Amino acid sequence: PVLIPDYTEQMLQEETEGEYLELARKLRVLSVLVVPVTLSSSLATMTFMTTVESARRYGEEDVALAEELVRRAAQIVDNARMHQKLRKTEERFRVALAHSNITLFEQDEALRYRWIYNPPLGFRAADVVGKTNAELVSPEEAARLGALDRAVIERGERIQDEVQISARGETRHLLVTQEPLRD
């Protein structure tokens, strides 16, 4: 950080030019604190200034506070950039899935569907979420799917199997791959 407790007219003329010189004169800058900002993809600075109207001058005690403010601001900017990238990735993933014959779902420990994307057999997500296999397919098929679900939970590893499912007058043979999600 650069701390200039007394920003004089002479310093202003020596270190500033053009429109910045005019702006600093208009603001009547009295004291300046410049703190580097480290972002994940760039480096910048944040400048704090006091003016003649406030009559306050920055001191050493202000440096730590300014550094903490800048650190938090940089973290917020980095998080916003990360969320923006995540949204783009999620949108690409959603588009890719929408044009495939892949169904993704998540079940809780009671084997109720918590979330589903691209449900098979003409179901809508609203038809499936909150329900178990027993509420959606025949008892025999529900037992087979339930056995796969329990095996994934008990073993804690990925399982793949072929299943036949009938619902709404339609029968499909599906390759089911399930794996546990932790935490």
N, C-alpha and C. Protein backbone atom coordinates (compact mmCIF):
# COMPACT_ATOMS: atom_id res chain seq x y z
N PRO A 1 0.82 -1.20 0.00
CA PRO A 1 0.00 0.00 0.00
C PRO A 1 0.86 1.26 0.00
N VAL A 2 0.31 2.31 -0.58
CA VAL A 2 1.00 3.60 -0.58
C VAL A 2 0.13 4.56 0.23
N LEU A 3 0.72 5.13 1.27
CA LEU A 3 0.02 6.07 2.13
C LEU A 3 0.64 7.45 1.96
N ILE A 4 -0.19 8.42 1.60
CA ILE A 4 0.26 9.82 1.51
C ILE A 4 -0.67 10.62 2.41
N PRO A 5 -0.27 10.82 3.69
CA PRO A 5 -1.14 11.51 4.63
C PRO A 5 -1.41 12.96 4.24
N ASP A 6 -0.42 13.61 3.65
CA ASP A 6 -0.57 15.01 3.24
C ASP A 6 -0.28 15.12 1.76
N TYR A 7 -1.32 15.16 0.98
CA TYR A 7 -1.18 15.23 -0.47
C TYR A 7 -1.15 16.70 -0.85
N THR A 8 0.03 17.21 -1.13
CA THR A 8 0.22 18.64 -1.36
C THR A 8 -0.01 19.00 -2.83
N GLU A 9 -0.16 20.29 -3.07
CA GLU A 9 -0.31 20.81 -4.44
C GLU A 9 0.93 20.46 -5.26
N GLN A 10 2.09 20.52 -4.64
CA GLN A 10 3.33 20.20 -5.36
C GLN A 10 3.34 18.73 -5.78
N MET A 11 2.95 17.82 -4.90
CA MET A 11 2.88 16.39 -5.24
C MET A 11 1.86 16.18 -6.35
N LEU A 12 0.75 16.87 -6.24
CA LEU A 12 -0.30 16.76 -7.24
C LEU A 12 0.24 17.13 -8.62
N GLN A 13 0.97 18.21 -8.72
CA GLN A 13 1.52 18.66 -10.00
C GLN A 13 2.60 17.72 -10.51
N GLU A 14 3.41 17.16 -9.61
CA GLU A 14 4.51 16.29 -10.01
C GLU A 14 4.02 14.91 -10.46
N GLU A 15 2.96 14.39 -9.84
CA GLU A 15 2.55 13.01 -10.07
C GLU A 15 1.26 12.84 -10.86
N THR A 16 0.60 13.94 -11.20
CA THR A 16 -0.69 13.84 -11.87
C THR A 16 -0.68 14.77 -13.07
N GLU A 17 -1.42 14.36 -14.11
CA GLU A 17 -1.48 15.22 -15.30
C GLU A 17 -2.84 15.11 -15.96
N GLY A 18 -3.07 16.00 -16.89
CA GLY A 18 -4.28 15.97 -17.71
C GLY A 18 -5.56 16.04 -16.90
N GLU A 19 -6.53 15.26 -17.32
CA GLU A 19 -7.85 15.29 -16.69
C GLU A 19 -7.80 14.85 -15.23
N TYR A 20 -6.83 13.98 -14.87
CA TYR A 20 -6.72 13.53 -13.49
C TYR A 20 -6.26 14.68 -12.59
N LEU A 21 -5.38 15.51 -13.11
CA LEU A 21 -4.92 16.67 -12.36
C LEU A 21 -6.09 17.61 -12.08
N GLU A 22 -6.89 17.87 -13.09
CA GLU A 22 -8.05 18.75 -12.93
C GLU A 22 -9.06 18.15 -11.95
N LEU A 23 -9.30 16.85 -12.08
CA LEU A 23 -10.25 16.18 -11.18
C LEU A 23 -9.76 16.26 -9.73
N ALA A 24 -8.47 15.98 -9.51
CA ALA A 24 -7.91 16.04 -8.15
C ALA A 24 -8.00 17.46 -7.58
N ARG A 25 -7.79 18.44 -8.42
CA ARG A 25 -7.91 19.84 -7.96
C ARG A 25 -9.36 20.15 -7.59
N LYS A 26 -10.30 19.69 -8.43
CA LYS A 26 -11.72 19.95 -8.15
C LYS A 26 -12.15 19.27 -6.86
N LEU A 27 -11.66 18.06 -6.65
CA LEU A 27 -12.01 17.31 -5.43
C LEU A 27 -11.34 17.89 -4.20
N ARG A 28 -10.24 18.61 -4.41
CA ARG A 28 -9.44 19.18 -3.32
C ARG A 28 -8.96 18.06 -2.39
N VAL A 29 -8.20 17.13 -2.99
CA VAL A 29 -7.69 15.97 -2.27
C VAL A 29 -6.71 16.39 -1.20
N LEU A 30 -6.88 15.81 -0.01
CA LEU A 30 -6.05 16.14 1.14
C LEU A 30 -5.11 14.99 1.51
N SER A 31 -5.62 13.75 1.41
CA SER A 31 -4.87 12.58 1.84
C SER A 31 -5.23 11.42 0.92
N VAL A 32 -4.26 10.54 0.63
CA VAL A 32 -4.48 9.44 -0.32
C VAL A 32 -3.93 8.13 0.25
N LEU A 33 -4.67 7.08 0.00
CA LEU A 33 -4.23 5.73 0.36
C LEU A 33 -4.52 4.84 -0.85
N VAL A 34 -3.49 4.21 -1.40
CA VAL A 34 -3.64 3.33 -2.56
C VAL A 34 -3.28 1.91 -2.12
N VAL A 35 -4.21 0.98 -2.36
CA VAL A 35 -4.03 -0.41 -1.92
C VAL A 35 -4.11 -1.33 -3.14
N PRO A 36 -3.13 -2.24 -3.31
CA PRO A 36 -3.21 -3.18 -4.44
C PRO A 36 -4.36 -4.18 -4.25
N VAL A 37 -4.99 -4.52 -5.35
CA VAL A 37 -6.08 -5.49 -5.35
C VAL A 37 -5.61 -6.69 -6.16
N THR A 38 -5.57 -7.85 -5.52
CA THR A 38 -5.15 -9.06 -6.21
C THR A 38 -6.38 -9.89 -6.52
N LEU A 39 -6.70 -10.00 -7.80
CA LEU A 39 -7.80 -10.84 -8.25
C LEU A 39 -7.20 -12.09 -8.85
N SER A 40 -8.00 -13.13 -9.00
CA SER A 40 -7.46 -14.38 -9.53
C SER A 40 -6.92 -14.22 -10.94
N SER A 41 -7.43 -13.24 -11.69
CA SER A 41 -7.01 -13.11 -13.09
C SER A 41 -6.35 -11.77 -13.41
N SER A 42 -6.22 -10.89 -12.42
CA SER A 42 -5.63 -9.59 -12.72
C SER A 42 -5.17 -8.90 -11.44
N LEU A 43 -4.50 -7.80 -11.65
CA LEU A 43 -4.02 -6.99 -10.54
C LEU A 43 -4.52 -5.57 -10.78
N ALA A 44 -4.99 -4.92 -9.74
CA ALA A 44 -5.50 -3.56 -9.84
C ALA A 44 -5.17 -2.84 -8.55
N THR A 45 -5.60 -1.60 -8.45
CA THR A 45 -5.45 -0.87 -7.20
C THR A 45 -6.78 -0.21 -6.85
N MET A 46 -6.96 0.02 -5.56
CA MET A 46 -8.11 0.76 -5.09
C MET A 46 -7.56 1.99 -4.39
N THR A 47 -8.09 3.14 -4.76
CA THR A 47 -7.60 4.40 -4.21
C THR A 47 -8.65 5.00 -3.28
N PHE A 48 -8.21 5.37 -2.09
CA PHE A 48 -9.06 6.03 -1.11
C PHE A 48 -8.53 7.46 -0.98
N MET A 49 -9.43 8.44 -0.96
CA MET A 49 -9.01 9.84 -0.84
C MET A 49 -9.88 10.55 0.17
N THR A 50 -9.27 11.48 0.91
CA THR A 50 -10.06 12.40 1.72
C THR A 50 -9.93 13.77 1.09
N THR A 51 -10.88 14.61 1.35
CA THR A 51 -10.87 15.95 0.77
C THR A 51 -10.75 17.01 1.86
N VAL A 52 -10.52 18.22 1.43
CA VAL A 52 -10.37 19.34 2.36
C VAL A 52 -11.62 19.48 3.23
N GLU A 53 -12.81 19.21 2.65
CA GLU A 53 -14.05 19.34 3.41
C GLU A 53 -14.07 18.44 4.64
N SER A 54 -13.53 17.23 4.51
CA SER A 54 -13.56 16.32 5.66
C SER A 54 -12.45 16.64 6.66
N ALA A 55 -11.39 17.21 6.17
CA ALA A 55 -10.22 17.56 6.99
C ALA A 55 -9.57 16.33 7.63
N ARG A 56 -9.92 15.16 7.18
CA ARG A 56 -9.36 13.93 7.74
C ARG A 56 -8.15 13.51 6.92
N ARG A 57 -7.15 13.03 7.61
CA ARG A 57 -5.96 12.52 6.93
C ARG A 57 -5.81 11.04 7.27
N TYR A 58 -5.47 10.25 6.25
CA TYR A 58 -5.24 8.83 6.49
C TYR A 58 -3.95 8.65 7.25
N GLY A 59 -3.95 7.63 8.13
CA GLY A 59 -2.76 7.29 8.89
C GLY A 59 -2.49 5.80 8.80
N GLU A 60 -1.46 5.36 9.48
CA GLU A 60 -1.07 3.95 9.45
C GLU A 60 -2.20 3.02 9.89
N GLU A 61 -3.03 3.50 10.84
CA GLU A 61 -4.14 2.66 11.32
C GLU A 61 -5.18 2.41 10.24
N ASP A 62 -5.23 3.26 9.23
CA ASP A 62 -6.19 3.10 8.14
C ASP A 62 -5.74 2.05 7.11
N VAL A 63 -4.45 1.78 7.07
CA VAL A 63 -3.91 0.86 6.06
C VAL A 63 -4.49 -0.54 6.25
N ALA A 64 -4.48 -1.05 7.47
CA ALA A 64 -4.99 -2.41 7.73
C ALA A 64 -6.47 -2.51 7.38
N LEU A 65 -7.24 -1.49 7.74
CA LEU A 65 -8.67 -1.49 7.41
C LEU A 65 -8.87 -1.46 5.90
N ALA A 66 -8.13 -0.62 5.21
CA ALA A 66 -8.25 -0.54 3.75
C ALA A 66 -7.84 -1.86 3.10
N GLU A 67 -6.79 -2.49 3.60
CA GLU A 67 -6.37 -3.78 3.05
C GLU A 67 -7.46 -4.83 3.24
N GLU A 68 -8.10 -4.84 4.40
CA GLU A 68 -9.18 -5.81 4.65
C GLU A 68 -10.37 -5.53 3.74
N LEU A 69 -10.73 -4.28 3.56
CA LEU A 69 -11.83 -3.92 2.65
C LEU A 69 -11.51 -4.37 1.22
N VAL A 70 -10.29 -4.13 0.79
CA VAL A 70 -9.88 -4.51 -0.56
C VAL A 70 -9.85 -6.03 -0.70
N ARG A 71 -9.38 -6.73 0.33
CA ARG A 71 -9.36 -8.20 0.27
C ARG A 71 -10.77 -8.74 0.11
N ARG A 72 -11.71 -8.19 0.88
CA ARG A 72 -13.10 -8.65 0.80
C ARG A 72 -13.72 -8.29 -0.55
N ALA A 73 -13.43 -7.11 -1.04
CA ALA A 73 -13.96 -6.71 -2.35
C ALA A 73 -13.42 -7.63 -3.45
N ALA A 74 -12.14 -7.95 -3.38
CA ALA A 74 -11.53 -8.85 -4.37
C ALA A 74 -12.17 -10.23 -4.30
N GLN A 75 -12.44 -10.69 -3.10
CA GLN A 75 -13.08 -12.00 -2.93
C GLN A 75 -14.48 -11.99 -3.53
N ILE A 76 -15.21 -10.91 -3.34
CA ILE A 76 -16.55 -10.79 -3.91
C ILE A 76 -16.49 -10.79 -5.44
N VAL A 77 -15.54 -10.06 -6.00
CA VAL A 77 -15.39 -10.02 -7.46
C VAL A 77 -15.01 -11.40 -7.99
N ASP A 78 -14.06 -12.07 -7.34
CA ASP A 78 -13.67 -13.41 -7.77
C ASP A 78 -14.84 -14.39 -7.68
N ASN A 79 -15.61 -14.31 -6.59
CA ASN A 79 -16.77 -15.19 -6.44
C ASN A 79 -17.80 -14.92 -7.54
N ALA A 80 -18.03 -13.66 -7.85
CA ALA A 80 -18.99 -13.31 -8.91
C ALA A 80 -18.52 -13.87 -10.25
N ARG A 81 -17.24 -13.77 -10.53
CA ARG A 81 -16.70 -14.33 -11.78
C ARG A 81 -16.85 -15.85 -11.81
N MET A 82 -16.58 -16.48 -10.67
CA MET A 82 -16.69 -17.94 -10.60
C MET A 82 -18.15 -18.36 -10.81
N HIS A 83 -19.09 -17.65 -10.19
CA HIS A 83 -20.51 -17.99 -10.37
C HIS A 83 -20.95 -17.78 -11.81
N GLN A 84 -20.42 -16.76 -12.46
CA GLN A 84 -20.75 -16.52 -13.85
C GLN A 84 -20.25 -17.67 -14.72
N LYS A 85 -19.04 -18.13 -14.48
CA LYS A 85 -18.51 -19.28 -15.22
C LYS A 85 -19.33 -20.52 -14.95
N LEU A 86 -19.71 -20.71 -13.69
CA LEU A 86 -20.52 -21.87 -13.32
C LEU A 86 -21.87 -21.84 -14.03
N ARG A 87 -22.51 -20.66 -14.09
CA ARG A 87 -23.79 -20.53 -14.80
C ARG A 87 -23.64 -20.89 -16.27
N LYS A 88 -22.57 -20.44 -16.90
CA LYS A 88 -22.34 -20.76 -18.32
C LYS A 88 -22.15 -22.27 -18.49
N THR A 89 -21.37 -22.88 -17.63
CA THR A 89 -21.13 -24.32 -17.70
C THR A 89 -22.43 -25.07 -17.47
N GLU A 90 -23.21 -24.64 -16.50
CA GLU A 90 -24.49 -25.29 -16.21
C GLU A 90 -25.43 -25.17 -17.40
N GLU A 91 -25.47 -24.02 -18.04
CA GLU A 91 -26.34 -23.83 -19.20
C GLU A 91 -25.91 -24.74 -20.35
N ARG A 92 -24.63 -24.84 -20.59
CA ARG A 92 -24.13 -25.75 -21.65
C ARG A 92 -24.50 -27.19 -21.34
N PHE A 93 -24.34 -27.57 -20.09
CA PHE A 93 -24.67 -28.93 -19.67
C PHE A 93 -26.16 -29.19 -19.86
N ARG A 94 -27.00 -28.22 -19.47
CA ARG A 94 -28.44 -28.36 -19.60
C ARG A 94 -28.85 -28.51 -21.07
N VAL A 95 -28.26 -27.70 -21.94
CA VAL A 95 -28.57 -27.79 -23.37
C VAL A 95 -28.16 -29.14 -23.92
N ALA A 96 -26.97 -29.60 -23.53
CA ALA A 96 -26.51 -30.91 -24.02
C ALA A 96 -27.45 -32.01 -23.56
N LEU A 97 -27.87 -31.98 -22.31
CA LEU A 97 -28.79 -33.01 -21.80
C LEU A 97 -30.15 -32.93 -22.47
N ALA A 98 -30.61 -31.73 -22.74
CA ALA A 98 -31.93 -31.57 -23.35
C ALA A 98 -32.01 -32.24 -24.72
N HIS A 99 -30.88 -32.39 -25.36
CA HIS A 99 -30.85 -32.98 -26.69
C HIS A 99 -30.30 -34.41 -26.67
N SER A 100 -30.45 -35.05 -25.55
CA SER A 100 -29.97 -36.44 -25.42
C SER A 100 -31.09 -37.30 -24.84
N ASN A 101 -30.84 -38.59 -24.81
CA ASN A 101 -31.79 -39.53 -24.20
C ASN A 101 -31.31 -39.93 -22.81
N ILE A 102 -30.68 -39.01 -22.14
CA ILE A 102 -30.13 -39.29 -20.81
C ILE A 102 -31.04 -38.66 -19.75
N THR A 103 -31.37 -39.45 -18.75
CA THR A 103 -32.13 -38.95 -17.60
C THR A 103 -31.18 -38.85 -16.43
N LEU A 104 -31.18 -37.73 -15.76
CA LEU A 104 -30.41 -37.56 -14.54
C LEU A 104 -31.38 -37.38 -13.39
N PHE A 105 -31.04 -37.97 -12.25
CA PHE A 105 -31.92 -37.83 -11.10
C PHE A 105 -31.12 -37.94 -9.82
N GLU A 106 -31.76 -37.50 -8.75
CA GLU A 106 -31.17 -37.62 -7.42
C GLU A 106 -32.28 -38.10 -6.50
N GLN A 107 -31.93 -39.05 -5.65
CA GLN A 107 -32.88 -39.58 -4.68
C GLN A 107 -32.30 -39.37 -3.28
N ASP A 108 -33.21 -39.23 -2.31
CA ASP A 108 -32.76 -39.13 -0.93
C ASP A 108 -32.60 -40.53 -0.34
N GLU A 109 -32.27 -40.61 0.94
CA GLU A 109 -32.04 -41.93 1.55
C GLU A 109 -33.31 -42.75 1.67
N ALA A 110 -34.47 -42.11 1.59
CA ALA A 110 -35.75 -42.83 1.61
C ALA A 110 -36.14 -43.25 0.18
N LEU A 111 -35.24 -42.99 -0.76
CA LEU A 111 -35.39 -43.34 -2.18
C LEU A 111 -36.52 -42.56 -2.87
N ARG A 112 -36.81 -41.38 -2.36
CA ARG A 112 -37.73 -40.46 -3.03
C ARG A 112 -36.89 -39.60 -3.99
N TYR A 113 -37.47 -39.31 -5.13
CA TYR A 113 -36.77 -38.47 -6.10
C TYR A 113 -36.77 -37.02 -5.60
N ARG A 114 -35.59 -36.47 -5.48
CA ARG A 114 -35.46 -35.07 -5.06
C ARG A 114 -35.36 -34.15 -6.26
N TRP A 115 -34.87 -34.69 -7.36
CA TRP A 115 -34.62 -33.88 -8.56
C TRP A 115 -34.54 -34.84 -9.73
N ILE A 116 -35.04 -34.44 -10.89
CA ILE A 116 -34.92 -35.26 -12.10
C ILE A 116 -34.89 -34.35 -13.31
N TYR A 117 -34.08 -34.73 -14.28
CA TYR A 117 -33.99 -33.99 -15.54
C TYR A 117 -34.17 -34.98 -16.67
N ASN A 118 -35.00 -34.65 -17.64
CA ASN A 118 -35.32 -35.52 -18.79
C ASN A 118 -35.96 -36.83 -18.34
N PRO A 119 -37.05 -36.79 -17.59
CA PRO A 119 -37.66 -38.04 -17.13
C PRO A 119 -38.12 -38.89 -18.32
N PRO A 120 -38.01 -40.22 -18.21
CA PRO A 120 -38.41 -41.11 -19.31
C PRO A 120 -39.92 -41.37 -19.31
N LEU A 121 -40.36 -42.06 -20.32
CA LEU A 121 -41.72 -42.59 -20.42
C LEU A 121 -42.81 -41.52 -20.33
N GLY A 122 -42.53 -40.34 -20.82
CA GLY A 122 -43.54 -39.30 -20.85
C GLY A 122 -43.83 -38.63 -19.52
N PHE A 123 -43.08 -38.98 -18.48
CA PHE A 123 -43.27 -38.32 -17.20
C PHE A 123 -42.73 -36.89 -17.29
N ARG A 124 -43.30 -36.02 -16.47
CA ARG A 124 -42.75 -34.68 -16.28
C ARG A 124 -42.02 -34.70 -14.94
N ALA A 125 -41.11 -33.77 -14.74
CA ALA A 125 -40.38 -33.72 -13.47
C ALA A 125 -41.36 -33.62 -12.31
N ALA A 126 -42.41 -32.84 -12.46
CA ALA A 126 -43.40 -32.67 -11.38
C ALA A 126 -44.12 -33.98 -11.05
N ASP A 127 -44.21 -34.90 -12.03
CA ASP A 127 -44.84 -36.20 -11.80
C ASP A 127 -43.97 -37.11 -10.94
N VAL A 128 -42.68 -36.86 -10.93
CA VAL A 128 -41.71 -37.77 -10.32
C VAL A 128 -41.17 -37.28 -8.98
N VAL A 129 -40.86 -35.99 -8.89
CA VAL A 129 -40.23 -35.44 -7.68
C VAL A 129 -41.12 -35.66 -6.47
N GLY A 130 -40.51 -36.18 -5.40
CA GLY A 130 -41.23 -36.46 -4.16
C GLY A 130 -41.79 -37.86 -4.09
N LYS A 131 -41.67 -38.62 -5.15
CA LYS A 131 -42.23 -39.97 -5.18
C LYS A 131 -41.12 -41.02 -5.18
N THR A 132 -41.52 -42.25 -4.86
CA THR A 132 -40.62 -43.40 -4.93
C THR A 132 -40.93 -44.19 -6.19
N ASN A 133 -40.08 -45.14 -6.51
CA ASN A 133 -40.33 -46.00 -7.68
C ASN A 133 -41.66 -46.74 -7.54
N ALA A 134 -42.02 -47.15 -6.32
CA ALA A 134 -43.25 -47.89 -6.09
C ALA A 134 -44.49 -47.07 -6.48
N GLU A 135 -44.36 -45.75 -6.45
CA GLU A 135 -45.48 -44.88 -6.82
C GLU A 135 -45.52 -44.60 -8.32
N LEU A 136 -44.51 -45.07 -9.05
CA LEU A 136 -44.41 -44.72 -10.46
C LEU A 136 -44.49 -45.91 -11.42
N VAL A 137 -44.01 -47.07 -10.97
CA VAL A 137 -43.95 -48.24 -11.85
C VAL A 137 -44.55 -49.46 -11.14
N SER A 138 -44.60 -50.56 -11.85
CA SER A 138 -45.20 -51.77 -11.28
C SER A 138 -44.39 -52.25 -10.06
N PRO A 139 -45.02 -53.05 -9.18
CA PRO A 139 -44.31 -53.54 -7.99
C PRO A 139 -43.04 -54.33 -8.33
N GLU A 140 -43.08 -55.15 -9.39
CA GLU A 140 -41.89 -55.93 -9.77
C GLU A 140 -40.76 -55.01 -10.22
N GLU A 141 -41.08 -54.03 -11.05
CA GLU A 141 -40.06 -53.09 -11.52
C GLU A 141 -39.54 -52.22 -10.38
N ALA A 142 -40.44 -51.81 -9.50
CA ALA A 142 -40.04 -51.00 -8.34
C ALA A 142 -39.09 -51.79 -7.45
N ALA A 143 -39.36 -53.10 -7.27
CA ALA A 143 -38.48 -53.94 -6.45
C ALA A 143 -37.09 -54.04 -7.07
N ARG A 144 -37.05 -54.21 -8.39
CA ARG A 144 -35.75 -54.31 -9.10
C ARG A 144 -34.98 -52.99 -8.99
N LEU A 145 -35.66 -51.87 -9.22
CA LEU A 145 -35.00 -50.56 -9.11
C LEU A 145 -34.59 -50.28 -7.67
N GLY A 146 -35.45 -50.66 -6.72
CA GLY A 146 -35.13 -50.47 -5.30
C GLY A 146 -33.90 -51.26 -4.88
N ALA A 147 -33.75 -52.46 -5.43
CA ALA A 147 -32.57 -53.28 -5.13
C ALA A 147 -31.31 -52.59 -5.64
N LEU A 148 -31.39 -51.99 -6.83
CA LEU A 148 -30.23 -51.24 -7.37
C LEU A 148 -29.93 -50.03 -6.48
N ASP A 149 -30.97 -49.30 -6.11
CA ASP A 149 -30.78 -48.12 -5.25
C ASP A 149 -30.11 -48.49 -3.94
N ARG A 150 -30.61 -49.55 -3.29
CA ARG A 150 -30.04 -49.96 -2.00
C ARG A 150 -28.61 -50.46 -2.15
N ALA A 151 -28.32 -51.14 -3.26
CA ALA A 151 -26.96 -51.63 -3.49
C ALA A 151 -25.98 -50.46 -3.62
N VAL A 152 -26.40 -49.41 -4.28
CA VAL A 152 -25.54 -48.22 -4.42
C VAL A 152 -25.27 -47.61 -3.05
N ILE A 153 -26.32 -47.50 -2.25
CA ILE A 153 -26.17 -46.91 -0.92
C ILE A 153 -25.30 -47.79 -0.03
N GLU A 154 -25.55 -49.10 -0.03
CA GLU A 154 -24.80 -50.03 0.83
C GLU A 154 -23.34 -50.14 0.43
N ARG A 155 -23.08 -50.29 -0.86
CA ARG A 155 -21.69 -50.47 -1.32
C ARG A 155 -20.93 -49.16 -1.42
N GLY A 156 -21.68 -48.08 -1.65
CA GLY A 156 -21.02 -46.79 -1.79
C GLY A 156 -20.24 -46.65 -3.08
N GLU A 157 -20.65 -47.40 -4.10
CA GLU A 157 -19.94 -47.32 -5.38
C GLU A 157 -20.92 -47.36 -6.54
N ARG A 158 -20.41 -47.06 -7.68
CA ARG A 158 -21.21 -46.98 -8.91
C ARG A 158 -21.70 -48.37 -9.33
N ILE A 159 -22.96 -48.41 -9.80
CA ILE A 159 -23.54 -49.65 -10.29
C ILE A 159 -24.19 -49.37 -11.63
N GLN A 160 -24.04 -50.32 -12.54
CA GLN A 160 -24.67 -50.20 -13.85
C GLN A 160 -25.41 -51.50 -14.16
N ASP A 161 -26.65 -51.36 -14.67
CA ASP A 161 -27.45 -52.54 -14.96
C ASP A 161 -28.49 -52.18 -16.02
N GLU A 162 -28.99 -53.19 -16.71
CA GLU A 162 -30.08 -53.01 -17.67
C GLU A 162 -31.38 -53.32 -16.97
N VAL A 163 -32.38 -52.45 -17.18
CA VAL A 163 -33.69 -52.66 -16.57
C VAL A 163 -34.78 -52.44 -17.61
N GLN A 164 -35.91 -53.06 -17.33
CA GLN A 164 -37.09 -52.84 -18.16
C GLN A 164 -38.10 -52.10 -17.32
N ILE A 165 -38.64 -51.02 -17.87
CA ILE A 165 -39.62 -50.22 -17.14
C ILE A 165 -40.83 -50.01 -18.04
N SER A 166 -42.01 -50.19 -17.46
CA SER A 166 -43.26 -49.95 -18.18
C SER A 166 -44.07 -48.94 -17.39
N ALA A 167 -44.59 -47.97 -18.10
CA ALA A 167 -45.49 -46.99 -17.48
C ALA A 167 -46.22 -46.26 -18.58
N ARG A 168 -47.44 -45.91 -18.30
CA ARG A 168 -48.24 -45.13 -19.24
C ARG A 168 -48.36 -45.81 -20.61
N GLY A 169 -48.44 -47.13 -20.58
CA GLY A 169 -48.62 -47.89 -21.81
C GLY A 169 -47.38 -48.01 -22.67
N GLU A 170 -46.24 -47.71 -22.10
CA GLU A 170 -44.98 -47.75 -22.85
C GLU A 170 -43.96 -48.59 -22.08
N THR A 171 -43.19 -49.39 -22.80
CA THR A 171 -42.14 -50.20 -22.17
C THR A 171 -40.80 -49.79 -22.76
N ARG A 172 -39.82 -49.64 -21.88
CA ARG A 172 -38.47 -49.27 -22.33
C ARG A 172 -37.45 -50.15 -21.64
N HIS A 173 -36.39 -50.44 -22.36
CA HIS A 173 -35.22 -51.11 -21.80
C HIS A 173 -34.17 -50.01 -21.62
N LEU A 174 -33.72 -49.85 -20.39
CA LEU A 174 -32.81 -48.76 -20.07
C LEU A 174 -31.51 -49.28 -19.49
N LEU A 175 -30.44 -48.62 -19.82
CA LEU A 175 -29.16 -48.87 -19.17
C LEU A 175 -29.07 -47.85 -18.04
N VAL A 176 -29.11 -48.36 -16.81
CA VAL A 176 -29.12 -47.49 -15.63
C VAL A 176 -27.74 -47.50 -14.99
N THR A 177 -27.20 -46.32 -14.80
CA THR A 177 -25.95 -46.16 -14.08
C THR A 177 -26.24 -45.26 -12.90
N GLN A 178 -25.96 -45.76 -11.71
CA GLN A 178 -26.20 -44.98 -10.50
C GLN A 178 -24.94 -44.94 -9.66
N GLU A 179 -24.75 -43.81 -9.00
CA GLU A 179 -23.61 -43.71 -8.07
C GLU A 179 -24.01 -42.84 -6.91
N PRO A 180 -23.39 -43.08 -5.77
CA PRO A 180 -23.76 -42.31 -4.57
C PRO A 180 -23.19 -40.89 -4.63
N LEU A 181 -23.93 -39.96 -4.07
CA LEU A 181 -23.44 -38.60 -3.87
C LEU A 181 -23.26 -38.43 -2.38
N ARG A 182 -22.12 -37.94 -1.98
CA ARG A 182 -21.83 -37.75 -0.55
C ARG A 182 -21.91 -36.29 -0.19
N ASP A 183 -22.43 -36.01 0.98
CA ASP A 183 -22.49 -34.65 1.53
C ASP A 183 -23.17 -33.70 0.58
